[in-house]
Amino acid sequence: MKILVTGGAGFIGSAVVRQAVARGHGVVNVDCLTYAACLENVAPVADDPLYAFEQVDIRDRDALNRIFADHRPDTVMHLAAESHVDRSIDAPGAFIDTNVTGTYNMLEAARAYWIEADKPAGFRFHHISTDEVYGSLPADPKVLFTEDTPYDPRSPYSASKASSDHLVRAWFETYGLPTLITNCSNNYGPYHFPEKLIPVIILNALAGKALPIYGDGSNIRDWLFVEDHADALLTVLERAAPGTTYNIGGENERTNLELVRTLCDILDEKQPKTKGTYADQITFVTDRPGHDARYAIDPSRIRADLGWRPSVTIEEGLARTVDWYLANEDWWHPLLTRAGVGKRLGTGT
């Protein structure tokens, strides 16, 4: 099928694009190339006849109408979003514009196209979201996010994603647009923009800089390797029934401190320092305002319905990620000069 992918030059979007083309799907990559986007992320498929690129902002409804008319996609995967929590604290307006208004524009453009095409049975609007819409969990490992967990967003980012989730559900219930929603846990892996925790730790470690950990490092996240996530998203797109929501988790809970220590151990093995260990660079910094204590997903629905579960453990995925960053300085080094990279954002002051 031909898939219209928004945000396909971003971290998760590019993984979807690469896997979709590898599976034989046509892909129309719609991305306005904001600060976190890199066309180098899709360089492995850029010359493939199944791939096309459109530099378009999802806030531009006329441009979206043209893309649907020109490319006639069979389905949509909507990943375009502002995604960095710290940036949302400093500049929430951009998150409302892109994540809420942009999603509204995508829904309306898709609905108009779907109606004009006589409502083809196979059409889907797959909206990719986050587990952060559910808020924060207690430390009890038996308590997990399910698809029925009430929404309780705590940051401008998660609030904007919760808003977009509600819009997608409303377009299904009100207009019958065949939608799908997935909410994922924290992603990591190759091509991760160097403002998120894992690439920050890797690159700071190699540069001999402090390894910043918010608060006391006790915040817990469920880590999902990005290639596993892309596989899950395509599985949902290909097999799920309209109106369904799936939570996608990595089944790999770690505290931030545990995660950073594991990264340090891997780096010590793969590129040891001449003196000391990388863990010597760990530094605790003032916590993020409203920092959620724990995220953890119950993946039983996607496992039962679609037979999907992650293939990579956190230790395997982190080792592969470190290997990739060690081998791809030409990719990440130019990104260090982009606005906000390497600076502490989101202090709330």
Protein backbone atom coordinates (compact mmCIF):
# COMPACT_ATOMS: atom_id res chain seq x y z
CA MET A 1 0.00 0.00 0.00
CA LYS A 2 0.96 3.64 -0.26
CA ILE A 3 1.39 5.27 3.17
CA LEU A 4 1.40 9.00 3.82
CA VAL A 5 3.79 9.40 6.79
CA THR A 6 3.94 12.76 8.55
CA GLY A 7 7.13 13.55 10.42
CA GLY A 8 9.05 10.96 8.44
CA ALA A 9 12.36 12.80 8.79
CA GLY A 10 12.19 12.60 12.57
CA PHE A 11 13.43 9.91 14.90
CA ILE A 12 10.48 7.49 15.06
CA GLY A 13 9.04 8.59 11.71
CA SER A 14 12.23 7.80 9.83
CA ALA A 15 12.36 4.33 11.38
CA VAL A 16 8.81 3.79 10.11
CA VAL A 17 9.75 5.07 6.65
CA ARG A 18 12.78 2.81 6.39
CA GLN A 19 10.85 -0.28 7.53
CA ALA A 20 7.79 0.48 5.39
CA VAL A 21 9.90 0.73 2.23
CA ALA A 22 11.74 -2.45 3.20
CA ARG A 23 8.35 -4.20 3.44
CA GLY A 24 7.46 -3.06 -0.07
CA HIS A 25 5.09 -0.23 0.83
CA GLY A 26 5.11 3.08 -1.00
CA VAL A 27 5.83 6.02 1.30
CA VAL A 28 5.07 9.72 0.96
CA ASN A 29 7.13 11.45 3.64
CA VAL A 30 5.56 14.78 4.69
CA ASP A 31 7.87 16.81 6.91
CA CYS A 32 8.49 20.54 7.29
CA LEU A 33 12.05 19.88 8.52
CA THR A 34 12.03 21.63 11.87
CA TYR A 35 15.13 21.67 14.11
CA ALA A 36 14.86 17.97 15.08
CA ALA A 37 14.34 16.62 11.55
CA CYS A 38 17.15 15.24 9.38
CA LEU A 39 16.77 14.01 5.83
CA GLU A 40 19.91 11.96 6.50
CA ASN A 41 17.61 9.75 8.61
CA VAL A 42 15.94 8.49 5.44
CA ALA A 43 19.02 8.50 3.22
CA PRO A 44 18.98 4.66 3.02
CA VAL A 45 15.68 4.83 1.07
CA ALA A 46 15.87 8.28 -0.50
CA ASP A 47 16.56 6.92 -4.00
CA ASP A 48 14.07 4.07 -3.81
CA PRO A 49 11.21 4.37 -6.35
CA LEU A 50 8.77 3.56 -3.51
CA TYR A 51 9.77 6.75 -1.65
CA ALA A 52 8.68 10.37 -2.16
CA PHE A 53 9.31 13.47 -0.04
CA GLU A 54 7.17 16.59 0.43
CA GLN A 55 8.47 19.47 2.54
CA VAL A 56 5.15 20.65 3.94
CA ASP A 57 3.96 21.96 7.30
CA ILE A 58 0.92 20.10 8.64
CA ARG A 59 -0.47 23.44 9.75
CA ASP A 60 -0.90 24.31 6.03
CA ARG A 61 -4.27 22.83 5.09
CA ASP A 62 -4.09 23.81 1.41
CA ALA A 63 -0.75 22.05 1.04
CA LEU A 64 -2.15 18.95 2.72
CA ASN A 65 -5.10 18.90 0.34
CA ARG A 66 -2.68 19.03 -2.60
CA ILE A 67 -0.60 16.16 -1.23
CA PHE A 68 -3.64 13.91 -0.81
CA ALA A 69 -4.82 14.78 -4.31
CA ASP A 70 -1.40 14.29 -5.93
CA HIS A 71 -0.29 11.11 -4.15
CA ARG A 72 -3.60 9.32 -3.45
CA PRO A 73 -2.39 7.42 -0.36
CA ASP A 74 -4.10 4.25 0.83
CA THR A 75 -3.53 5.13 4.48
CA VAL A 76 -1.99 7.70 6.84
CA MET A 77 0.51 7.39 9.67
CA HIS A 78 0.57 10.65 11.60
CA LEU A 79 3.81 11.06 13.57
CA ALA A 80 4.60 14.76 13.04
CA ALA A 81 4.78 16.44 16.43
CA GLU A 82 6.80 18.64 18.71
CA SER A 83 8.05 16.09 21.22
CA HIS A 84 10.63 17.37 23.70
CA VAL A 85 9.10 17.91 27.15
CA ASP A 86 11.72 20.45 28.21
CA ARG A 87 11.07 22.59 25.13
CA SER A 88 7.33 22.43 25.82
CA ILE A 89 7.91 23.96 29.23
CA ASP A 90 9.77 26.90 27.70
CA ALA A 91 7.61 27.41 24.59
CA PRO A 92 4.24 25.64 24.84
CA GLY A 93 2.67 27.55 21.95
CA ALA A 94 4.58 25.61 19.31
CA PHE A 95 3.27 22.36 20.79
CA ILE A 96 -0.34 23.55 20.62
CA ASP A 97 0.11 24.77 17.04
CA THR A 98 1.67 21.58 15.72
CA ASN A 99 0.28 18.83 17.90
CA VAL A 100 -3.29 20.09 18.21
CA THR A 101 -3.98 22.37 15.24
CA GLY A 102 -1.74 20.33 12.96
CA THR A 103 -3.57 17.13 13.90
CA TYR A 104 -6.91 18.81 13.28
CA ASN A 105 -5.72 19.83 9.80
CA MET A 106 -4.54 16.29 9.10
CA LEU A 107 -7.86 14.82 10.21
CA GLU A 108 -9.87 17.19 8.05
CA ALA A 109 -7.66 16.76 5.00
CA ALA A 110 -7.79 12.98 5.41
CA ARG A 111 -11.56 13.00 5.93
CA ALA A 112 -12.16 15.10 2.81
CA TYR A 113 -9.95 12.79 0.77
CA TRP A 114 -11.59 9.66 2.23
CA ILE A 115 -15.06 10.95 1.33
CA GLU A 116 -13.97 12.02 -2.15
CA ALA A 117 -12.52 8.52 -2.69
CA ASP A 118 -15.91 7.00 -1.73
CA LYS A 119 -14.74 5.87 1.72
CA PRO A 120 -12.44 2.96 0.75
CA ALA A 121 -12.69 0.12 3.27
CA GLY A 122 -8.94 -0.23 3.72
CA PHE A 123 -8.23 3.41 4.54
CA ARG A 124 -6.82 4.11 8.00
CA PHE A 125 -5.71 7.23 9.88
CA HIS A 126 -3.12 5.95 12.35
CA HIS A 127 -2.28 8.52 15.00
CA ILE A 128 0.95 7.84 16.90
CA SER A 129 0.94 9.15 20.47
CA THR A 130 2.66 8.68 23.83
CA ASP A 131 2.09 7.05 27.19
CA GLU A 132 2.76 10.45 28.77
CA VAL A 133 -0.92 11.32 28.22
CA TYR A 134 -1.73 9.03 31.17
CA GLY A 135 0.30 11.02 33.69
CA SER A 136 2.40 9.41 36.40
CA LEU A 137 2.29 5.96 38.00
CA PRO A 138 3.11 4.93 41.57
CA ALA A 139 6.20 2.81 42.21
CA ASP A 140 4.14 -0.40 42.58
CA PRO A 141 5.29 -2.62 39.66
CA LYS A 142 1.83 -4.19 39.47
CA VAL A 143 0.30 -0.86 38.43
CA LEU A 144 0.64 -0.28 34.68
CA PHE A 145 -0.87 1.93 32.00
CA THR A 146 -3.62 0.17 30.05
CA GLU A 147 -5.67 1.42 27.13
CA ASP A 148 -8.41 2.28 29.65
CA THR A 149 -6.23 4.35 31.98
CA PRO A 150 -7.76 7.84 32.40
CA TYR A 151 -5.81 10.67 30.83
CA ASP A 152 -3.88 12.86 33.27
CA PRO A 153 -1.23 14.83 31.34
CA ARG A 154 1.25 16.84 33.41
CA SER A 155 3.33 18.80 30.87
CA PRO A 156 2.46 21.07 27.94
CA TYR A 157 3.79 18.35 25.65
CA SER A 158 1.66 15.55 27.09
CA ALA A 159 -1.37 17.84 27.26
CA SER A 160 -1.00 18.66 23.58
CA LYS A 161 -0.74 14.97 22.70
CA ALA A 162 -3.74 14.14 24.87
CA SER A 163 -5.68 16.81 23.02
CA SER A 164 -4.75 15.32 19.66
CA ASP A 165 -5.74 11.82 20.84
CA HIS A 166 -9.17 13.14 21.79
CA LEU A 167 -9.57 14.79 18.38
CA VAL A 168 -8.76 11.53 16.61
CA ARG A 169 -11.30 9.60 18.68
CA ALA A 170 -13.91 12.28 18.03
CA TRP A 171 -13.38 12.06 14.26
CA PHE A 172 -13.93 8.30 14.47
CA GLU A 173 -17.06 8.57 16.62
CA THR A 174 -18.57 11.61 14.89
CA TYR A 175 -17.59 11.21 11.24
CA GLY A 176 -16.75 7.51 11.01
CA LEU A 177 -13.21 8.20 9.84
CA PRO A 178 -11.41 4.84 10.32
CA THR A 179 -8.79 5.78 12.88
CA LEU A 180 -6.20 3.95 14.97
CA ILE A 181 -4.32 5.27 18.00
CA THR A 182 -1.14 3.91 19.54
CA ASN A 183 0.49 5.17 22.73
CA CYS A 184 4.13 4.22 23.13
CA SER A 185 6.69 4.22 25.91
CA ASN A 186 10.06 6.01 25.68
CA ASN A 187 11.88 5.28 22.44
CA TYR A 188 15.64 5.05 21.90
CA GLY A 189 18.03 3.86 19.22
CA PRO A 190 19.86 5.06 16.10
CA TYR A 191 19.13 8.53 14.69
CA HIS A 192 17.88 9.84 18.06
CA PHE A 193 18.18 13.64 18.09
CA PRO A 194 20.87 14.67 20.61
CA GLU A 195 18.67 16.49 23.10
CA LYS A 196 17.04 13.38 24.62
CA LEU A 197 18.50 11.49 27.58
CA ILE A 198 20.24 8.55 25.92
CA PRO A 199 22.06 10.44 23.13
CA VAL A 200 22.93 13.22 25.59
CA ILE A 201 24.56 10.70 27.91
CA ILE A 202 26.47 8.96 25.09
CA LEU A 203 27.76 12.15 23.50
CA ASN A 204 28.55 13.92 26.77
CA ALA A 205 30.42 10.85 27.97
CA LEU A 206 32.56 10.73 24.83
CA ALA A 207 33.24 14.47 25.13
CA GLY A 208 34.30 14.20 28.79
CA LYS A 209 31.36 16.35 29.93
CA ALA A 210 29.04 15.93 32.91
CA LEU A 211 26.30 13.32 32.56
CA PRO A 212 23.24 15.21 33.86
CA ILE A 213 20.56 13.28 35.73
CA TYR A 214 17.42 15.10 36.87
CA GLY A 215 16.68 14.96 40.59
CA ASP A 216 17.95 11.79 42.24
CA GLY A 217 17.59 9.63 39.13
CA SER A 218 14.73 7.58 40.56
CA ASN A 219 12.23 8.40 37.78
CA ILE A 220 11.29 5.20 35.95
CA ARG A 221 10.67 4.77 32.23
CA ASP A 222 9.75 1.78 30.06
CA TRP A 223 12.27 1.79 27.19
CA LEU A 224 11.32 0.72 23.65
CA PHE A 225 13.87 0.23 20.88
CA VAL A 226 12.80 2.40 17.96
CA GLU A 227 13.07 -0.37 15.35
CA ASP A 228 10.75 -2.52 17.48
CA HIS A 229 8.34 0.39 17.73
CA ALA A 230 8.31 0.89 13.95
CA ASP A 231 7.55 -2.80 13.50
CA ALA A 232 4.67 -2.54 15.98
CA LEU A 233 3.25 0.54 14.27
CA LEU A 234 3.23 -1.13 10.87
CA THR A 235 1.70 -4.25 12.39
CA VAL A 236 -1.13 -2.16 13.86
CA LEU A 237 -1.62 -0.34 10.57
CA GLU A 238 -1.79 -3.56 8.58
CA ARG A 239 -3.98 -5.60 10.93
CA ALA A 240 -5.91 -3.56 13.52
CA ALA A 241 -9.62 -2.81 13.36
CA PRO A 242 -10.75 0.83 13.00
CA GLY A 243 -11.36 2.63 16.26
CA THR A 244 -8.84 0.53 18.17
CA THR A 245 -6.21 1.85 20.59
CA TYR A 246 -3.04 -0.05 21.45
CA ASN A 247 -0.36 0.65 24.03
CA ILE A 248 3.13 -0.27 22.80
CA GLY A 249 5.76 -0.86 25.47
CA GLY A 250 9.30 -2.15 25.59
CA GLU A 251 8.79 -4.26 28.73
CA ASN A 252 12.08 -2.77 29.98
CA GLU A 253 11.55 -0.57 33.04
CA ARG A 254 14.61 1.18 34.42
CA THR A 255 15.25 4.16 36.65
CA ASN A 256 17.09 6.96 34.91
CA LEU A 257 20.11 6.32 37.12
CA GLU A 258 20.12 2.60 36.26
CA LEU A 259 19.86 3.46 32.58
CA VAL A 260 22.78 5.88 32.70
CA ARG A 261 24.95 3.45 34.66
CA THR A 262 24.23 0.76 32.06
CA LEU A 263 25.26 3.15 29.28
CA CYS A 264 28.45 3.95 31.18
CA ASP A 265 29.26 0.25 31.54
CA ILE A 266 28.74 -0.30 27.80
CA LEU A 267 30.95 2.66 26.93
CA ASP A 268 33.62 1.47 29.37
CA GLU A 269 33.71 -1.79 27.42
CA LYS A 270 33.52 -0.41 23.90
CA GLN A 271 35.62 2.75 24.22
CA PRO A 272 37.34 2.83 27.63
CA LYS A 273 38.75 6.02 29.09
CA THR A 274 42.45 6.31 29.75
CA LYS A 275 41.65 6.99 33.41
CA GLY A 276 38.61 6.18 35.51
CA THR A 277 35.16 5.23 34.24
CA TYR A 278 32.38 7.10 32.50
CA ALA A 279 30.24 6.78 35.63
CA ASP A 280 32.64 9.26 37.27
CA GLN A 281 31.02 11.94 35.08
CA ILE A 282 27.50 11.43 36.50
CA THR A 283 26.11 14.70 37.89
CA PHE A 284 22.73 15.24 39.56
CA VAL A 285 20.94 18.44 38.50
CA THR A 286 17.77 20.25 39.52
CA ASP A 287 14.73 18.21 38.56
CA ARG A 288 12.37 19.10 35.74
CA PRO A 289 9.15 20.85 36.86
CA GLY A 290 6.26 18.36 37.03
CA HIS A 291 8.58 15.43 36.31
CA ASP A 292 6.43 12.26 36.17
CA ALA A 293 7.69 9.60 38.56
CA ARG A 294 7.05 6.48 36.49
CA TYR A 295 5.74 5.28 33.14
CA ALA A 296 5.09 1.61 32.46
CA ILE A 297 2.85 -0.03 29.86
CA ASP A 298 0.72 -3.14 30.03
CA PRO A 299 1.17 -4.52 26.47
CA SER A 300 -1.25 -7.42 26.83
CA ARG A 301 -3.79 -6.11 24.29
CA ILE A 302 -1.38 -5.81 21.37
CA ARG A 303 0.17 -9.15 22.32
CA ALA A 304 -3.20 -10.92 22.46
CA ASP A 305 -4.77 -9.27 19.40
CA LEU A 306 -1.81 -9.00 17.04
CA GLY A 307 0.82 -11.31 18.52
CA TRP A 308 3.35 -8.49 18.79
CA ARG A 309 5.96 -8.01 21.49
CA PRO A 310 9.40 -6.34 21.55
CA SER A 311 12.36 -8.31 20.28
CA VAL A 312 15.18 -6.37 21.95
CA THR A 313 16.10 -6.16 25.63
CA ILE A 314 17.29 -2.85 27.02
CA GLU A 315 20.86 -4.15 27.32
CA GLU A 316 20.89 -5.35 23.69
CA GLY A 317 19.27 -2.16 22.43
CA LEU A 318 21.61 0.14 24.33
CA ALA A 319 24.65 -1.75 23.06
CA ARG A 320 23.40 -1.42 19.48
CA THR A 321 22.68 2.27 20.06
CA VAL A 322 26.15 2.97 21.43
CA ASP A 323 27.70 1.12 18.48
CA TRP A 324 25.67 3.27 16.09
CA TYR A 325 26.72 6.57 17.68
CA LEU A 326 30.36 5.50 17.78
CA ALA A 327 30.19 4.71 14.05
CA ASN A 328 28.16 7.74 12.93
CA GLU A 329 29.83 10.92 14.16
CA ASP A 330 29.24 12.42 10.71
CA TRP A 331 25.51 12.25 11.47
CA TRP A 332 25.40 13.58 15.03
CA HIS A 333 28.26 16.08 15.17
CA PRO A 334 26.62 18.73 12.92
CA LEU A 335 23.43 18.53 15.03
CA LEU A 336 25.24 19.75 18.14
CA THR A 337 25.12 23.29 16.73
CA ARG A 338 21.31 23.37 16.37
CA ALA A 339 19.31 25.69 18.61
CA GLY A 340 18.99 24.46 22.21
CA VAL A 341 21.17 21.36 21.82
CA GLY A 342 23.58 20.99 24.71
CA LYS A 343 21.77 23.54 26.85
CA ARG A 344 19.57 22.97 29.89
CA LEU A 345 15.98 23.67 28.84
CA GLY A 346 12.66 23.43 30.67
CA THR A 347 13.61 24.79 34.06
CA GLY A 348 10.30 26.65 34.33
CA THR A 349 12.00 29.93 35.17
